[in-house]
Protein backbone atom coordinates (compact mmCIF):
# COMPACT_ATOMS: atom_id res chain seq x y z
CA MET A 1 0.00 -0.01 0.00
CA ARG A 2 1.48 3.35 -1.01
CA PRO A 3 1.47 6.29 1.44
CA ARG A 4 -1.17 8.98 1.11
CA LEU A 5 0.29 12.32 -0.01
CA LEU A 6 -1.04 15.70 0.87
CA ARG A 7 -3.09 17.13 -1.97
CA ILE A 8 -4.10 20.70 -2.86
CA CYS A 9 -7.07 22.20 -4.63
CA ARG A 10 -5.74 24.73 -7.17
CA HIS A 11 -9.07 26.54 -7.21
CA CYS A 12 -9.60 27.35 -3.50
CA TYR A 13 -6.04 26.42 -2.24
CA ARG A 14 -7.33 24.06 0.43
CA TYR A 15 -5.15 21.07 1.47
CA THR A 16 -6.70 17.64 1.84
CA LEU A 17 -5.95 13.91 1.51
CA LYS A 18 -8.91 13.33 -0.83
CA ASP A 19 -8.98 13.20 -4.64
CA ARG A 20 -11.71 15.88 -4.69
CA CYS A 21 -11.79 19.09 -2.72
CA PRO A 22 -14.34 18.92 0.13
CA THR A 23 -15.16 22.63 -0.28
CA CYS A 24 -15.67 23.14 -4.00
CA GLY A 25 -15.72 19.55 -5.30
CA ARG A 26 -13.02 20.08 -7.94
CA PRO A 27 -10.13 17.61 -8.50
CA THR A 28 -7.03 18.03 -6.37
CA GLU A 29 -3.32 17.69 -7.27
CA ILE A 30 -0.43 16.29 -5.30
CA ALA A 31 1.19 19.23 -3.43
CA HIS A 32 4.69 17.74 -3.33
CA PRO A 33 7.24 18.37 -6.08
CA PRO A 34 8.69 15.34 -7.89
CA ARG A 35 11.96 13.90 -6.64
CA PHE A 36 15.11 15.29 -8.24
CA SER A 37 17.53 13.06 -10.03
CA PRO A 38 20.62 14.33 -11.89
CA ASP A 39 20.14 11.71 -14.64
CA ASP A 40 16.44 12.56 -15.20
CA ARG A 41 15.47 11.73 -18.77
CA TYR A 42 12.44 14.03 -18.79
CA LEU A 43 14.01 17.17 -17.26
CA GLU A 44 14.21 18.99 -20.62
CA LEU A 45 10.54 18.21 -21.44
CA ARG A 46 9.34 19.32 -17.98
CA LEU A 47 11.23 22.61 -18.18
CA LYS A 48 9.86 23.24 -21.67
CA ALA A 49 6.31 22.60 -20.46
CA LYS A 50 6.86 24.87 -17.45
CA LEU A 51 8.15 27.69 -19.62
CA ASP A 52 5.22 27.26 -22.07
CA ARG A 53 2.70 27.49 -19.23
CA ARG A 54 4.44 30.55 -17.85
CA SER A 55 4.49 32.37 -21.20
CA ALA A 56 0.82 31.53 -21.76
CA HIS A 57 -0.08 33.42 -18.52
CA HIS A 58 2.21 36.39 -19.25
CA PRO A 59 2.10 37.25 -22.93
CA VAL A 60 4.82 39.48 -24.29
CA TYR A 61 3.60 42.73 -25.93
């Protein structure tokens, strides 16, 4: 049995252990960052996705 991780609702920022937020009913995400490994094969893809999300929220004029 795997340990239960603390989860967060990105809509109302409430922490819970459930898959759905008890306040607003929306899905929750795991609040912990992934473990770091120097030989991570997906680091480049994750950084690209993070930069794409960031640029989508802050367009350059």
